[in-house]
Amino acid sequence: MPEKFSLYCEYTHCCGKQILRMGTAEDEPAARQWVQEQNRNKKRPRLLKDDLVKTCPVTHCPGKRQHPRYDYRPV
């Protein structure tokens, strides 16, 4: 049976790390391709209104300007 993979991105904030689950992939090659596309596009994902990146009161929080790290894990 093929193994599914969870796709996610990770931000580092002044108060710790935030990991956002972005979806699933059916197999490892598809997950690897998704990570490569995300890194190539350099776009940040859409975040919820109450996400820590948007609500952090610290002016120079590293999470506000950085590009997230994209990766995948077996489900």
PDB file of N, CA and C in Angstrom:
ATOM      1  N   MET A   1       0.847  -1.182   0.000  1.00  0.00           N
ATOM      2  CA  MET A   1       0.000   0.000   0.000  1.00  0.00           C
ATOM      3  C   MET A   1       0.894   1.248   0.000  1.00  0.00           C
ATOM      4  N   PRO A   2       0.649   2.209  -0.918  1.00  0.00           N
ATOM      5  CA  PRO A   2       1.482   3.408  -0.966  1.00  0.00           C
ATOM      6  C   PRO A   2       1.298   4.270   0.286  1.00  0.00           C
ATOM      7  N   GLU A   3       2.374   4.902   0.657  1.00  0.00           N
ATOM      8  CA  GLU A   3       2.367   5.735   1.857  1.00  0.00           C
ATOM      9  C   GLU A   3       2.046   7.173   1.478  1.00  0.00           C
ATOM     10  N   LYS A   4       1.195   7.840   2.245  1.00  0.00           N
ATOM     11  CA  LYS A   4       0.866   9.248   2.014  1.00  0.00           C
ATOM     12  C   LYS A   4       1.832  10.117   2.809  1.00  0.00           C
ATOM     13  N   PHE A   5       1.975  11.374   2.353  1.00  0.00           N
ATOM     14  CA  PHE A   5       2.884  12.306   2.998  1.00  0.00           C
ATOM     15  C   PHE A   5       2.157  13.597   3.315  1.00  0.00           C
ATOM     16  N   SER A   6       2.429  14.132   4.485  1.00  0.00           N
ATOM     17  CA  SER A   6       1.874  15.397   4.922  1.00  0.00           C
ATOM     18  C   SER A   6       2.815  16.512   4.482  1.00  0.00           C
ATOM     19  N   LEU A   7       2.263  17.549   3.852  1.00  0.00           N
ATOM     20  CA  LEU A   7       3.043  18.695   3.376  1.00  0.00           C
ATOM     21  C   LEU A   7       2.898  19.827   4.387  1.00  0.00           C
ATOM     22  N   TYR A   8       3.996  20.498   4.701  1.00  0.00           N
ATOM     23  CA  TYR A   8       3.908  21.578   5.680  1.00  0.00           C
ATOM     24  C   TYR A   8       4.960  22.648   5.435  1.00  0.00           C
ATOM     25  N   CYS A   9       4.758  23.793   6.066  1.00  0.00           N
ATOM     26  CA  CYS A   9       5.768  24.845   6.071  1.00  0.00           C
ATOM     27  C   CYS A   9       6.001  25.263   7.516  1.00  0.00           C
ATOM     28  N   GLU A  10       7.181  25.767   7.779  1.00  0.00           N
ATOM     29  CA  GLU A  10       7.598  26.102   9.135  1.00  0.00           C
ATOM     30  C   GLU A  10       8.195  27.506   9.169  1.00  0.00           C
ATOM     31  N   TYR A  11       7.729  28.310  10.116  1.00  0.00           N
ATOM     32  CA  TYR A  11       8.270  29.646  10.372  1.00  0.00           C
ATOM     33  C   TYR A  11       8.956  29.640  11.737  1.00  0.00           C
ATOM     34  N   THR A  12       9.993  30.448  11.879  1.00  0.00           N
ATOM     35  CA  THR A  12      10.609  30.666  13.180  1.00  0.00           C
ATOM     36  C   THR A  12      10.205  32.055  13.646  1.00  0.00           C
ATOM     37  N   HIS A  13       9.629  32.124  14.834  1.00  0.00           N
ATOM     38  CA  HIS A  13       9.176  33.383  15.414  1.00  0.00           C
ATOM     39  C   HIS A  13      10.070  33.765  16.592  1.00  0.00           C
ATOM     40  N   CYS A  14       9.836  34.938  17.113  1.00  0.00           N
ATOM     41  CA  CYS A  14      10.561  35.368  18.304  1.00  0.00           C
ATOM     42  C   CYS A  14      10.178  34.510  19.511  1.00  0.00           C
ATOM     43  N   CYS A  15       9.002  33.882  19.447  1.00  0.00           N
ATOM     44  CA  CYS A  15       8.538  33.067  20.574  1.00  0.00           C
ATOM     45  C   CYS A  15       8.578  31.569  20.269  1.00  0.00           C
ATOM     46  N   GLY A  16       9.205  31.156  19.176  1.00  0.00           N
ATOM     47  CA  GLY A  16       9.304  29.739  18.861  1.00  0.00           C
ATOM     48  C   GLY A  16       8.977  29.449  17.409  1.00  0.00           C
ATOM     49  N   LYS A  17       8.717  28.169  17.112  1.00  0.00           N
ATOM     50  CA  LYS A  17       8.421  27.751  15.745  1.00  0.00           C
ATOM     51  C   LYS A  17       6.930  27.554  15.541  1.00  0.00           C
ATOM     52  N   GLN A  18       6.475  27.846  14.339  1.00  0.00           N
ATOM     53  CA  GLN A  18       5.084  27.645  13.947  1.00  0.00           C
ATOM     54  C   GLN A  18       5.091  26.708  12.742  1.00  0.00           C
ATOM     55  N   ILE A  19       4.400  25.591  12.828  1.00  0.00           N
ATOM     56  CA  ILE A  19       4.321  24.636  11.728  1.00  0.00           C
ATOM     57  C   ILE A  19       2.894  24.632  11.206  1.00  0.00           C
ATOM     58  N   LEU A  20       2.741  24.878   9.902  1.00  0.00           N
ATOM     59  CA  LEU A  20       1.434  24.920   9.264  1.00  0.00           C
ATOM     60  C   LEU A  20       1.301  23.739   8.320  1.00  0.00           C
ATOM     61  N   ARG A  21       0.263  22.958   8.478  1.00  0.00           N
ATOM     62  CA  ARG A  21       0.017  21.823   7.581  1.00  0.00           C
ATOM     63  C   ARG A  21      -0.636  22.361   6.318  1.00  0.00           C
ATOM     64  N   MET A  22      -0.079  22.016   5.160  1.00  0.00           N
ATOM     65  CA  MET A  22      -0.523  22.576   3.899  1.00  0.00           C
ATOM     66  C   MET A  22      -1.303  21.584   3.031  1.00  0.00           C
ATOM     67  N   GLY A  23      -1.351  20.314   3.405  1.00  0.00           N
ATOM     68  CA  GLY A  23      -2.078  19.332   2.618  1.00  0.00           C
ATOM     69  C   GLY A  23      -1.392  17.985   2.660  1.00  0.00           C
ATOM     70  N   THR A  24      -1.743  17.112   1.703  1.00  0.00           N
ATOM     71  CA  THR A  24      -1.141  15.786   1.634  1.00  0.00           C
ATOM     72  C   THR A  24      -0.748  15.476   0.196  1.00  0.00           C
ATOM     73  N   ALA A  25       0.187  14.546   0.044  1.00  0.00           N
ATOM     74  CA  ALA A  25       0.603  14.041  -1.261  1.00  0.00           C
ATOM     75  C   ALA A  25       0.450  12.533  -1.246  1.00  0.00           C
ATOM     76  N   GLU A  26       0.143  11.974  -2.391  1.00  0.00           N
ATOM     77  CA  GLU A  26      -0.096  10.540  -2.503  1.00  0.00           C
ATOM     78  C   GLU A  26       1.172   9.704  -2.397  1.00  0.00           C
ATOM     79  N   ASP A  27       2.298  10.260  -2.829  1.00  0.00           N
ATOM     80  CA  ASP A  27       3.554   9.504  -2.790  1.00  0.00           C
ATOM     81  C   ASP A  27       4.726  10.461  -2.591  1.00  0.00           C
ATOM     82  N   GLU A  28       5.902   9.902  -2.340  1.00  0.00           N
ATOM     83  CA  GLU A  28       7.072  10.722  -2.049  1.00  0.00           C
ATOM     84  C   GLU A  28       7.534  11.569  -3.230  1.00  0.00           C
ATOM     85  N   PRO A  29       7.525  11.069  -4.463  1.00  0.00           N
ATOM     86  CA  PRO A  29       7.915  11.951  -5.578  1.00  0.00           C
ATOM     87  C   PRO A  29       7.008  13.180  -5.708  1.00  0.00           C
ATOM     88  N   ALA A  30       5.714  13.015  -5.483  1.00  0.00           N
ATOM     89  CA  ALA A  30       4.790  14.152  -5.542  1.00  0.00           C
ATOM     90  C   ALA A  30       5.081  15.138  -4.411  1.00  0.00           C
ATOM     91  N   ALA A  31       5.385  14.632  -3.226  1.00  0.00           N
ATOM     92  CA  ALA A  31       5.715  15.500  -2.094  1.00  0.00           C
ATOM     93  C   ALA A  31       7.013  16.254  -2.356  1.00  0.00           C
ATOM     94  N   ARG A  32       7.999  15.557  -2.879  1.00  0.00           N
ATOM     95  CA  ARG A  32       9.288  16.187  -3.190  1.00  0.00           C
ATOM     96  C   ARG A  32       9.106  17.278  -4.250  1.00  0.00           C
ATOM     97  N   GLN A  33       8.281  17.014  -5.254  1.00  0.00           N
ATOM     98  CA  GLN A  33       8.014  18.005  -6.298  1.00  0.00           C
ATOM     99  C   GLN A  33       7.308  19.231  -5.712  1.00  0.00           C
ATOM    100  N   TRP A  34       6.369  19.028  -4.789  1.00  0.00           N
ATOM    101  CA  TRP A  34       5.660  20.147  -4.153  1.00  0.00           C
ATOM    102  C   TRP A  34       6.645  21.041  -3.406  1.00  0.00           C
ATOM    103  N   VAL A  35       7.572  20.439  -2.662  1.00  0.00           N
ATOM    104  CA  VAL A  35       8.570  21.215  -1.918  1.00  0.00           C
ATOM    105  C   VAL A  35       9.431  22.021  -2.887  1.00  0.00           C
ATOM    106  N   GLN A  36       9.862  21.409  -3.973  1.00  0.00           N
ATOM    107  CA  GLN A  36      10.689  22.111  -4.954  1.00  0.00           C
ATOM    108  C   GLN A  36       9.946  23.284  -5.582  1.00  0.00           C
ATOM    109  N   GLU A  37       8.663  23.103  -5.902  1.00  0.00           N
ATOM    110  CA  GLU A  37       7.868  24.188  -6.478  1.00  0.00           C
ATOM    111  C   GLU A  37       7.703  25.338  -5.492  1.00  0.00           C
ATOM    112  N   GLN A  38       7.456  25.014  -4.233  1.00  0.00           N
ATOM    113  CA  GLN A  38       7.288  26.060  -3.227  1.00  0.00           C
ATOM    114  C   GLN A  38       8.581  26.854  -3.052  1.00  0.00           C
ATOM    115  N   ASN A  39       9.709  26.172  -3.032  1.00  0.00           N
ATOM    116  CA  ASN A  39      10.993  26.855  -2.885  1.00  0.00           C
ATOM    117  C   ASN A  39      11.329  27.684  -4.125  1.00  0.00           C
ATOM    118  N   ARG A  40      10.926  27.222  -5.282  1.00  0.00           N
ATOM    119  CA  ARG A  40      11.192  27.944  -6.534  1.00  0.00           C
ATOM    120  C   ARG A  40      10.323  29.202  -6.622  1.00  0.00           C
ATOM    121  N   ASN A  41       9.060  29.112  -6.207  1.00  0.00           N
ATOM    122  CA  ASN A  41       8.132  30.236  -6.310  1.00  0.00           C
ATOM    123  C   ASN A  41       8.432  31.356  -5.323  1.00  0.00           C
ATOM    124  N   LYS A  42       8.987  31.012  -4.165  1.00  0.00           N
ATOM    125  CA  LYS A  42       9.304  31.993  -3.111  1.00  0.00           C
ATOM    126  C   LYS A  42       8.078  32.773  -2.646  1.00  0.00           C
ATOM    127  N   LYS A  43       6.901  32.148  -2.732  1.00  0.00           N
ATOM    128  CA  LYS A  43       5.690  32.802  -2.233  1.00  0.00           C
ATOM    129  C   LYS A  43       5.385  32.296  -0.837  1.00  0.00           C
ATOM    130  N   ARG A  44       4.885  33.192  -0.026  1.00  0.00           N
ATOM    131  CA  ARG A  44       4.461  32.795   1.312  1.00  0.00           C
ATOM    132  C   ARG A  44       3.029  32.281   1.233  1.00  0.00           C
ATOM    133  N   PRO A  45       2.675  31.293   2.052  1.00  0.00           N
ATOM    134  CA  PRO A  45       1.305  30.772   2.016  1.00  0.00           C
ATOM    135  C   PRO A  45       0.309  31.761   2.609  1.00  0.00           C
ATOM    136  N   ARG A  46      -0.940  31.615   2.212  1.00  0.00           N
ATOM    137  CA  ARG A  46      -1.995  32.430   2.832  1.00  0.00           C
ATOM    138  C   ARG A  46      -2.162  31.972   4.271  1.00  0.00           C
ATOM    139  N   LEU A  47      -2.203  32.934   5.162  1.00  0.00           N
ATOM    140  CA  LEU A  47      -2.299  32.623   6.583  1.00  0.00           C
ATOM    141  C   LEU A  47      -3.650  33.057   7.124  1.00  0.00           C
ATOM    142  N   LEU A  48      -4.103  32.367   8.166  1.00  0.00           N
ATOM    143  CA  LEU A  48      -5.344  32.747   8.828  1.00  0.00           C
ATOM    144  C   LEU A  48      -5.166  34.079   9.541  1.00  0.00           C
ATOM    145  N   LYS A  49      -6.263  34.778   9.797  1.00  0.00           N
ATOM    146  CA  LYS A  49      -6.199  36.091  10.445  1.00  0.00           C
ATOM    147  C   LYS A  49      -5.582  36.032  11.831  1.00  0.00           C
ATOM    148  N   ASP A  50      -5.782  34.915  12.533  1.00  0.00           N
ATOM    149  CA  ASP A  50      -5.261  34.811  13.894  1.00  0.00           C
ATOM    150  C   ASP A  50      -3.918  34.083  13.956  1.00  0.00           C
ATOM    151  N   ASP A  51      -3.265  33.895  12.814  1.00  0.00           N
ATOM    152  CA  ASP A  51      -1.978  33.213  12.798  1.00  0.00           C
ATOM    153  C   ASP A  51      -0.930  34.062  13.521  1.00  0.00           C
ATOM    154  N   LEU A  52       0.012  33.400  14.140  1.00  0.00           N
ATOM    155  CA  LEU A  52       1.043  34.072  14.932  1.00  0.00           C
ATOM    156  C   LEU A  52       1.859  35.065  14.111  1.00  0.00           C
ATOM    157  N   VAL A  53       2.093  34.798  12.829  1.00  0.00           N
ATOM    158  CA  VAL A  53       2.849  35.734  11.991  1.00  0.00           C
ATOM    159  C   VAL A  53       2.123  37.070  11.906  1.00  0.00           C
ATOM    160  N   LYS A  54       0.795  37.040  11.800  1.00  0.00           N
ATOM    161  CA  LYS A  54       0.023  38.281  11.660  1.00  0.00           C
ATOM    162  C   LYS A  54      -0.254  38.967  12.987  1.00  0.00           C
ATOM    163  N   THR A  55      -0.318  38.221  14.072  1.00  0.00           N
ATOM    164  CA  THR A  55      -0.721  38.808  15.348  1.00  0.00           C
ATOM    165  C   THR A  55       0.439  39.098  16.293  1.00  0.00           C
ATOM    166  N   CYS A  56       1.657  38.703  15.930  1.00  0.00           N
ATOM    167  CA  CYS A  56       2.794  38.914  16.833  1.00  0.00           C
ATOM    168  C   CYS A  56       3.011  40.414  17.049  1.00  0.00           C
ATOM    169  N   PRO A  57       3.049  40.869  18.308  1.00  0.00           N
ATOM    170  CA  PRO A  57       3.213  42.297  18.576  1.00  0.00           C
ATOM    171  C   PRO A  57       4.660  42.781  18.464  1.00  0.00           C
ATOM    172  N   VAL A  58       5.616  41.873  18.333  1.00  0.00           N
ATOM    173  CA  VAL A  58       7.021  42.269  18.270  1.00  0.00           C
ATOM    174  C   VAL A  58       7.316  42.832  16.882  1.00  0.00           C
ATOM    175  N   THR A  59       7.820  44.049  16.815  1.00  0.00           N
ATOM    176  CA  THR A  59       8.063  44.731  15.553  1.00  0.00           C
ATOM    177  C   THR A  59       9.067  44.001  14.682  1.00  0.00           C
ATOM    178  N   HIS A  60      10.139  43.527  15.261  1.00  0.00           N
ATOM    179  CA  HIS A  60      11.199  42.894  14.482  1.00  0.00           C
ATOM    180  C   HIS A  60      11.192  41.374  14.605  1.00  0.00           C
ATOM    181  N   CYS A  61      10.022  40.794  14.695  1.00  0.00           N
ATOM    182  CA  CYS A  61       9.904  39.339  14.768  1.00  0.00           C
ATOM    183  C   CYS A  61      10.414  38.747  13.447  1.00  0.00           C
ATOM    184  N   PRO A  62      11.305  37.755  13.500  1.00  0.00           N
ATOM    185  CA  PRO A  62      11.825  37.188  12.258  1.00  0.00           C
ATOM    186  C   PRO A  62      10.753  36.517  11.406  1.00  0.00           C
ATOM    187  N   GLY A  63       9.647  36.137  11.984  1.00  0.00           N
ATOM    188  CA  GLY A  63       8.580  35.482  11.233  1.00  0.00           C
ATOM    189  C   GLY A  63       7.881  36.399  10.256  1.00  0.00           C
ATOM    190  N   LYS A  64       7.986  37.704  10.436  1.00  0.00           N
ATOM    191  CA  LYS A  64       7.265  38.638   9.577  1.00  0.00           C
ATOM    192  C   LYS A  64       7.924  38.850   8.224  1.00  0.00           C
ATOM    193  N   ARG A  65       9.221  38.578   8.095  1.00  0.00           N
ATOM    194  CA  ARG A  65       9.917  38.840   6.844  1.00  0.00           C
ATOM    195  C   ARG A  65      10.518  37.607   6.184  1.00  0.00           C
ATOM    196  N   GLN A  66      10.591  36.521   6.888  1.00  0.00           N
ATOM    197  CA  GLN A  66      11.265  35.350   6.334  1.00  0.00           C
ATOM    198  C   GLN A  66      10.380  34.547   5.398  1.00  0.00           C
ATOM    199  N   HIS A  67      11.006  33.760   4.563  1.00  0.00           N
ATOM    200  CA  HIS A  67      10.298  32.777   3.758  1.00  0.00           C
ATOM    201  C   HIS A  67      10.283  31.496   4.572  1.00  0.00           C
ATOM    202  N   PRO A  68       9.166  30.790   4.591  1.00  0.00           N
ATOM    203  CA  PRO A  68       9.096  29.577   5.397  1.00  0.00           C
ATOM    204  C   PRO A  68       9.927  28.449   4.804  1.00  0.00           C
ATOM    205  N   ARG A  69      10.199  27.467   5.633  1.00  0.00           N
ATOM    206  CA  ARG A  69      10.883  26.254   5.188  1.00  0.00           C
ATOM    207  C   ARG A  69       9.799  25.241   4.865  1.00  0.00           C
ATOM    208  N   TYR A  70       9.841  24.680   3.671  1.00  0.00           N
ATOM    209  CA  TYR A  70       8.852  23.693   3.243  1.00  0.00           C
ATOM    210  C   TYR A  70       9.440  22.300   3.354  1.00  0.00           C
ATOM    211  N   ASP A  71       8.606  21.333   3.742  1.00  0.00           N
ATOM    212  CA  ASP A  71       9.061  19.970   3.868  1.00  0.00           C
ATOM    213  C   ASP A  71       7.853  19.026   3.863  1.00  0.00           C
ATOM    214  N   TYR A  72       8.102  17.740   3.986  1.00  0.00           N
ATOM    215  CA  TYR A  72       7.040  16.738   4.038  1.00  0.00           C
ATOM    216  C   TYR A  72       7.422  15.651   5.013  1.00  0.00           C
ATOM    217  N   ARG A  73       6.404  14.952   5.518  1.00  0.00           N
ATOM    218  CA  ARG A  73       6.595  13.860   6.471  1.00  0.00           C
ATOM    219  C   ARG A  73       5.620  12.731   6.137  1.00  0.00           C
ATOM    220  N   PRO A  74       5.978  11.492   6.428  1.00  0.00           N
ATOM    221  CA  PRO A  74       5.016  10.402   6.246  1.00  0.00           C
ATOM    222  C   PRO A  74       3.836  10.579   7.204  1.00  0.00           C
ATOM    223  N   VAL A  75       2.652  10.237   6.724  1.00  0.00           N
ATOM    224  CA  VAL A  75       1.457  10.353   7.558  1.00  0.00           C
ATOM    225  C   VAL A  75       1.305   9.100   8.394  1.00  0.00           C
TER     226      VAL A  75
END
